[in-house]
Amino acid sequence: MSTPRLTAELWVQAYFTRLRLQDIPAFIVSKGDATAGAVIVKQNALDGTAKAFQRSVDILSGDRIWVTLTEGAEAEVDATITKQRGFDPDLWVIEVEDRDRRHLLDEPGLDS
């Protein structure tokens, strides 16, 4: 029996709660499908650079993990995200703004 997965919208709500508790500003750039939309998290360092994360499946363990989609100049990261949105109209895009580059995706409950 497989473990039921959270809906995308519920995961996003929980993520925003965790970010608020750490005083990390974030906002939804693009709202995707409430049930099964994929999520990209853009970590904006507020210095002209950014990093975008997406969930992927670890081929060794089968676990869902966060991996770097792209990183570098913010404009280049934005261009990659825009391209991804063109492929997947159900995609959620969340932007996290933190000079210390915190995103919390590596914390328990968010890390997989």
N, C-alpha and C. Protein backbone atom coordinates (compact mmCIF):
# COMPACT_ATOMS: atom_id res chain seq x y z
N MET A 1 0.84 -1.17 0.00
CA MET A 1 0.00 0.00 0.00
C MET A 1 0.89 1.24 0.00
N SER A 2 0.61 2.18 -0.90
CA SER A 2 1.44 3.38 -0.98
C SER A 2 0.92 4.44 -0.01
N THR A 3 1.84 5.29 0.41
CA THR A 3 1.50 6.37 1.31
C THR A 3 0.82 7.48 0.51
N PRO A 4 -0.31 7.97 0.97
CA PRO A 4 -0.96 9.06 0.24
C PRO A 4 -0.09 10.31 0.26
N ARG A 5 -0.07 11.02 -0.86
CA ARG A 5 0.72 12.24 -0.96
C ARG A 5 -0.16 13.45 -0.68
N LEU A 6 0.45 14.48 -0.16
CA LEU A 6 -0.25 15.74 0.06
C LEU A 6 -0.59 16.36 -1.28
N THR A 7 -1.69 17.08 -1.33
CA THR A 7 -1.98 17.85 -2.54
C THR A 7 -0.95 18.96 -2.65
N ALA A 8 -0.75 19.46 -3.84
CA ALA A 8 0.21 20.54 -4.05
C ALA A 8 -0.17 21.77 -3.23
N GLU A 9 -1.45 22.10 -3.22
CA GLU A 9 -1.89 23.29 -2.50
C GLU A 9 -1.66 23.17 -0.99
N LEU A 10 -1.92 22.01 -0.43
CA LEU A 10 -1.70 21.80 0.99
C LEU A 10 -0.20 21.88 1.32
N TRP A 11 0.64 21.30 0.47
CA TRP A 11 2.08 21.38 0.68
C TRP A 11 2.53 22.84 0.65
N VAL A 12 2.04 23.61 -0.32
CA VAL A 12 2.42 25.02 -0.43
C VAL A 12 1.99 25.77 0.82
N GLN A 13 0.79 25.53 1.30
CA GLN A 13 0.32 26.20 2.52
C GLN A 13 1.22 25.86 3.71
N ALA A 14 1.57 24.60 3.85
CA ALA A 14 2.45 24.18 4.95
C ALA A 14 3.83 24.82 4.81
N TYR A 15 4.33 24.89 3.59
CA TYR A 15 5.64 25.49 3.33
C TYR A 15 5.62 26.97 3.73
N PHE A 16 4.58 27.69 3.34
CA PHE A 16 4.48 29.10 3.70
C PHE A 16 4.41 29.29 5.22
N THR A 17 3.74 28.39 5.92
CA THR A 17 3.69 28.47 7.37
C THR A 17 5.09 28.33 7.95
N ARG A 18 5.84 27.35 7.47
CA ARG A 18 7.21 27.15 7.96
C ARG A 18 8.08 28.38 7.68
N LEU A 19 7.95 28.94 6.49
CA LEU A 19 8.73 30.13 6.14
C LEU A 19 8.37 31.31 7.04
N ARG A 20 7.08 31.52 7.28
CA ARG A 20 6.63 32.63 8.14
C ARG A 20 7.19 32.48 9.55
N LEU A 21 7.23 31.24 10.06
CA LEU A 21 7.75 31.01 11.40
C LEU A 21 9.23 31.38 11.52
N GLN A 22 9.94 31.37 10.40
CA GLN A 22 11.36 31.73 10.39
C GLN A 22 11.58 33.15 9.87
N ASP A 23 10.47 33.89 9.68
CA ASP A 23 10.53 35.27 9.15
C ASP A 23 11.25 35.34 7.80
N ILE A 24 10.94 34.39 6.94
CA ILE A 24 11.49 34.36 5.59
C ILE A 24 10.37 34.76 4.62
N PRO A 25 10.51 35.90 3.94
CA PRO A 25 9.48 36.33 3.01
C PRO A 25 9.38 35.41 1.79
N ALA A 26 8.14 35.17 1.36
CA ALA A 26 7.91 34.35 0.17
C ALA A 26 6.56 34.73 -0.42
N PHE A 27 6.42 34.45 -1.71
CA PHE A 27 5.14 34.70 -2.36
C PHE A 27 4.97 33.73 -3.53
N ILE A 28 3.73 33.58 -3.95
CA ILE A 28 3.41 32.71 -5.08
C ILE A 28 3.52 33.52 -6.35
N VAL A 29 4.39 33.09 -7.24
CA VAL A 29 4.56 33.74 -8.55
C VAL A 29 3.52 33.19 -9.51
N SER A 30 3.29 31.89 -9.41
CA SER A 30 2.35 31.22 -10.30
C SER A 30 1.64 30.12 -9.52
N LYS A 31 0.31 30.17 -9.51
CA LYS A 31 -0.47 29.14 -8.83
C LYS A 31 -0.79 28.04 -9.82
N GLY A 32 -0.39 26.83 -9.46
CA GLY A 32 -0.61 25.69 -10.34
C GLY A 32 -1.84 24.90 -9.95
N ASP A 33 -1.91 23.68 -10.44
CA ASP A 33 -3.02 22.79 -10.14
C ASP A 33 -3.04 22.50 -8.65
N ALA A 34 -4.20 22.67 -8.03
CA ALA A 34 -4.32 22.52 -6.57
C ALA A 34 -4.04 21.11 -6.09
N THR A 35 -4.32 20.12 -6.93
CA THR A 35 -4.17 18.74 -6.51
C THR A 35 -2.79 18.17 -6.83
N ALA A 36 -2.40 18.27 -8.08
CA ALA A 36 -1.20 17.53 -8.50
C ALA A 36 -0.16 18.39 -9.20
N GLY A 37 -0.23 19.70 -9.09
CA GLY A 37 0.75 20.54 -9.76
C GLY A 37 2.14 20.36 -9.19
N ALA A 38 3.13 20.38 -10.07
CA ALA A 38 4.53 20.35 -9.64
C ALA A 38 4.87 21.71 -9.03
N VAL A 39 5.95 21.75 -8.23
CA VAL A 39 6.34 22.98 -7.54
C VAL A 39 7.80 23.28 -7.85
N ILE A 40 8.06 24.53 -8.22
CA ILE A 40 9.43 25.05 -8.32
C ILE A 40 9.57 26.12 -7.25
N VAL A 41 10.66 26.06 -6.50
CA VAL A 41 10.95 27.07 -5.49
C VAL A 41 12.17 27.84 -5.96
N LYS A 42 11.97 29.15 -6.13
CA LYS A 42 13.08 30.04 -6.50
C LYS A 42 13.57 30.71 -5.23
N GLN A 43 14.84 30.56 -4.93
CA GLN A 43 15.45 31.21 -3.78
C GLN A 43 16.18 32.44 -4.30
N ASN A 44 15.64 33.61 -4.02
CA ASN A 44 16.20 34.88 -4.47
C ASN A 44 17.08 35.42 -3.35
N ALA A 45 18.37 35.57 -3.63
CA ALA A 45 19.31 36.04 -2.61
C ALA A 45 19.34 37.56 -2.49
N LEU A 46 18.53 38.25 -3.32
CA LEU A 46 18.42 39.70 -3.29
C LEU A 46 19.73 40.41 -3.60
N ASP A 47 20.61 39.73 -4.33
CA ASP A 47 21.88 40.32 -4.76
C ASP A 47 22.09 40.15 -6.26
N GLY A 48 21.00 39.86 -6.97
CA GLY A 48 21.09 39.63 -8.42
C GLY A 48 21.25 38.18 -8.79
N THR A 49 21.35 37.30 -7.78
CA THR A 49 21.48 35.87 -8.06
C THR A 49 20.29 35.12 -7.48
N ALA A 50 20.08 33.93 -8.02
CA ALA A 50 18.97 33.10 -7.55
C ALA A 50 19.29 31.64 -7.84
N LYS A 51 18.47 30.79 -7.25
CA LYS A 51 18.60 29.35 -7.44
C LYS A 51 17.19 28.79 -7.47
N ALA A 52 16.93 27.88 -8.40
CA ALA A 52 15.60 27.28 -8.50
C ALA A 52 15.70 25.79 -8.20
N PHE A 53 14.76 25.32 -7.38
CA PHE A 53 14.71 23.92 -6.98
C PHE A 53 13.45 23.27 -7.52
N GLN A 54 13.57 22.01 -7.88
CA GLN A 54 12.39 21.23 -8.27
C GLN A 54 12.51 19.86 -7.62
N ARG A 55 11.36 19.20 -7.50
CA ARG A 55 11.38 17.86 -6.91
C ARG A 55 11.66 16.84 -8.00
N SER A 56 12.41 15.85 -7.62
CA SER A 56 12.80 14.79 -8.53
C SER A 56 12.79 13.48 -7.76
N VAL A 57 12.87 12.39 -8.47
CA VAL A 57 12.93 11.08 -7.83
C VAL A 57 14.37 10.61 -7.80
N ASP A 58 14.86 10.25 -6.62
CA ASP A 58 16.20 9.68 -6.48
C ASP A 58 16.16 8.27 -7.05
N ILE A 59 16.94 8.01 -8.09
CA ILE A 59 16.86 6.71 -8.75
C ILE A 59 17.35 5.56 -7.88
N LEU A 60 18.19 5.85 -6.90
CA LEU A 60 18.69 4.79 -6.03
C LEU A 60 17.69 4.39 -4.95
N SER A 61 17.05 5.40 -4.35
CA SER A 61 16.15 5.09 -3.24
C SER A 61 14.67 5.13 -3.62
N GLY A 62 14.35 5.82 -4.70
CA GLY A 62 12.95 6.00 -5.07
C GLY A 62 12.29 7.15 -4.33
N ASP A 63 13.04 7.81 -3.43
CA ASP A 63 12.50 8.94 -2.66
C ASP A 63 12.40 10.17 -3.55
N ARG A 64 11.45 11.03 -3.20
CA ARG A 64 11.33 12.32 -3.87
C ARG A 64 12.25 13.30 -3.13
N ILE A 65 13.11 13.97 -3.88
CA ILE A 65 14.09 14.89 -3.29
C ILE A 65 14.06 16.22 -4.04
N TRP A 66 14.58 17.26 -3.39
CA TRP A 66 14.73 18.56 -4.03
C TRP A 66 16.09 18.63 -4.71
N VAL A 67 16.11 19.01 -5.97
CA VAL A 67 17.35 19.15 -6.72
C VAL A 67 17.39 20.55 -7.34
N THR A 68 18.58 21.01 -7.65
CA THR A 68 18.74 22.31 -8.28
C THR A 68 18.37 22.21 -9.76
N LEU A 69 17.41 23.02 -10.17
CA LEU A 69 17.03 23.11 -11.58
C LEU A 69 18.00 24.01 -12.31
N THR A 70 18.29 25.16 -11.71
CA THR A 70 19.22 26.12 -12.29
C THR A 70 19.66 27.10 -11.21
N GLU A 71 20.79 27.74 -11.43
CA GLU A 71 21.26 28.77 -10.51
C GLU A 71 22.15 29.74 -11.26
N GLY A 72 22.25 30.95 -10.73
CA GLY A 72 23.09 31.97 -11.37
C GLY A 72 22.42 33.32 -11.31
N ALA A 73 22.61 34.10 -12.37
CA ALA A 73 22.00 35.42 -12.44
C ALA A 73 20.48 35.27 -12.39
N GLU A 74 19.85 36.16 -11.63
CA GLU A 74 18.40 36.04 -11.44
C GLU A 74 17.64 36.04 -12.77
N ALA A 75 18.05 36.86 -13.70
CA ALA A 75 17.36 36.92 -15.00
C ALA A 75 17.43 35.57 -15.73
N GLU A 76 18.55 34.88 -15.62
CA GLU A 76 18.70 33.57 -16.26
C GLU A 76 17.83 32.52 -15.55
N VAL A 77 17.77 32.59 -14.25
CA VAL A 77 16.92 31.67 -13.49
C VAL A 77 15.46 31.91 -13.85
N ASP A 78 15.07 33.19 -13.93
CA ASP A 78 13.70 33.51 -14.32
C ASP A 78 13.37 32.99 -15.72
N ALA A 79 14.32 33.10 -16.64
CA ALA A 79 14.10 32.61 -18.01
C ALA A 79 13.88 31.10 -18.02
N THR A 80 14.63 30.38 -17.21
CA THR A 80 14.46 28.92 -17.13
C THR A 80 13.09 28.58 -16.54
N ILE A 81 12.69 29.30 -15.51
CA ILE A 81 11.38 29.06 -14.90
C ILE A 81 10.26 29.36 -15.89
N THR A 82 10.38 30.45 -16.63
CA THR A 82 9.38 30.80 -17.64
C THR A 82 9.27 29.70 -18.69
N LYS A 83 10.40 29.15 -19.08
CA LYS A 83 10.41 28.04 -20.05
C LYS A 83 9.68 26.83 -19.47
N GLN A 84 9.95 26.51 -18.20
CA GLN A 84 9.29 25.38 -17.55
C GLN A 84 7.77 25.60 -17.48
N ARG A 85 7.36 26.83 -17.19
CA ARG A 85 5.92 27.15 -17.14
C ARG A 85 5.28 26.95 -18.51
N GLY A 86 6.04 27.19 -19.59
CA GLY A 86 5.53 26.95 -20.94
C GLY A 86 5.26 25.48 -21.19
N PHE A 87 6.07 24.61 -20.59
CA PHE A 87 5.89 23.16 -20.72
C PHE A 87 4.78 22.64 -19.82
N ASP A 88 4.61 23.28 -18.65
CA ASP A 88 3.69 22.77 -17.64
C ASP A 88 2.83 23.90 -17.07
N PRO A 89 1.63 24.10 -17.63
CA PRO A 89 0.77 25.18 -17.15
C PRO A 89 0.23 24.95 -15.74
N ASP A 90 0.36 23.73 -15.20
CA ASP A 90 -0.10 23.42 -13.85
C ASP A 90 0.97 23.64 -12.79
N LEU A 91 2.10 24.22 -13.18
CA LEU A 91 3.26 24.40 -12.32
C LEU A 91 3.05 25.52 -11.30
N TRP A 92 3.38 25.22 -10.04
CA TRP A 92 3.44 26.24 -8.99
C TRP A 92 4.85 26.83 -9.00
N VAL A 93 4.96 28.14 -8.87
CA VAL A 93 6.27 28.78 -8.71
C VAL A 93 6.20 29.64 -7.44
N ILE A 94 7.07 29.34 -6.52
CA ILE A 94 7.16 30.06 -5.25
C ILE A 94 8.50 30.77 -5.21
N GLU A 95 8.49 32.04 -4.85
CA GLU A 95 9.74 32.78 -4.70
C GLU A 95 9.98 33.07 -3.22
N VAL A 96 11.14 32.67 -2.76
CA VAL A 96 11.58 32.88 -1.38
C VAL A 96 12.69 33.93 -1.44
N GLU A 97 12.55 34.98 -0.65
CA GLU A 97 13.54 36.05 -0.65
C GLU A 97 14.30 36.07 0.67
N ASP A 98 15.60 35.77 0.58
CA ASP A 98 16.40 35.74 1.80
C ASP A 98 17.87 35.93 1.45
N ARG A 99 18.47 36.97 2.02
CA ARG A 99 19.88 37.27 1.76
C ARG A 99 20.81 36.15 2.24
N ASP A 100 20.37 35.40 3.24
CA ASP A 100 21.17 34.29 3.76
C ASP A 100 20.94 32.99 2.97
N ARG A 101 20.15 33.08 1.91
CA ARG A 101 19.88 31.96 1.00
C ARG A 101 19.12 30.80 1.68
N ARG A 102 18.35 31.12 2.71
CA ARG A 102 17.55 30.08 3.37
C ARG A 102 16.32 29.78 2.53
N HIS A 103 15.97 28.49 2.49
CA HIS A 103 14.76 28.08 1.77
C HIS A 103 14.01 26.98 2.52
N LEU A 104 14.66 26.35 3.48
CA LEU A 104 14.09 25.33 4.37
C LEU A 104 13.76 24.00 3.67
N LEU A 105 14.05 23.86 2.40
CA LEU A 105 13.70 22.62 1.68
C LEU A 105 14.46 21.41 2.20
N ASP A 106 15.54 21.64 2.91
CA ASP A 106 16.34 20.53 3.45
C ASP A 106 15.91 20.14 4.86
N GLU A 107 14.85 20.78 5.39
CA GLU A 107 14.38 20.46 6.73
C GLU A 107 13.40 19.29 6.73
N PRO A 108 13.36 18.52 7.82
CA PRO A 108 12.43 17.40 7.90
C PRO A 108 10.98 17.84 7.60
N GLY A 109 10.32 17.04 6.82
CA GLY A 109 8.94 17.34 6.42
C GLY A 109 8.87 18.11 5.12
N LEU A 110 9.94 18.78 4.76
CA LEU A 110 9.99 19.51 3.49
C LEU A 110 11.03 18.92 2.57
N ASP A 111 11.92 18.11 3.12
CA ASP A 111 13.08 17.63 2.38
C ASP A 111 12.76 16.52 1.37
N SER A 112 11.60 15.95 1.44
CA SER A 112 11.29 14.88 0.46
C SER A 112 9.87 15.01 0.00
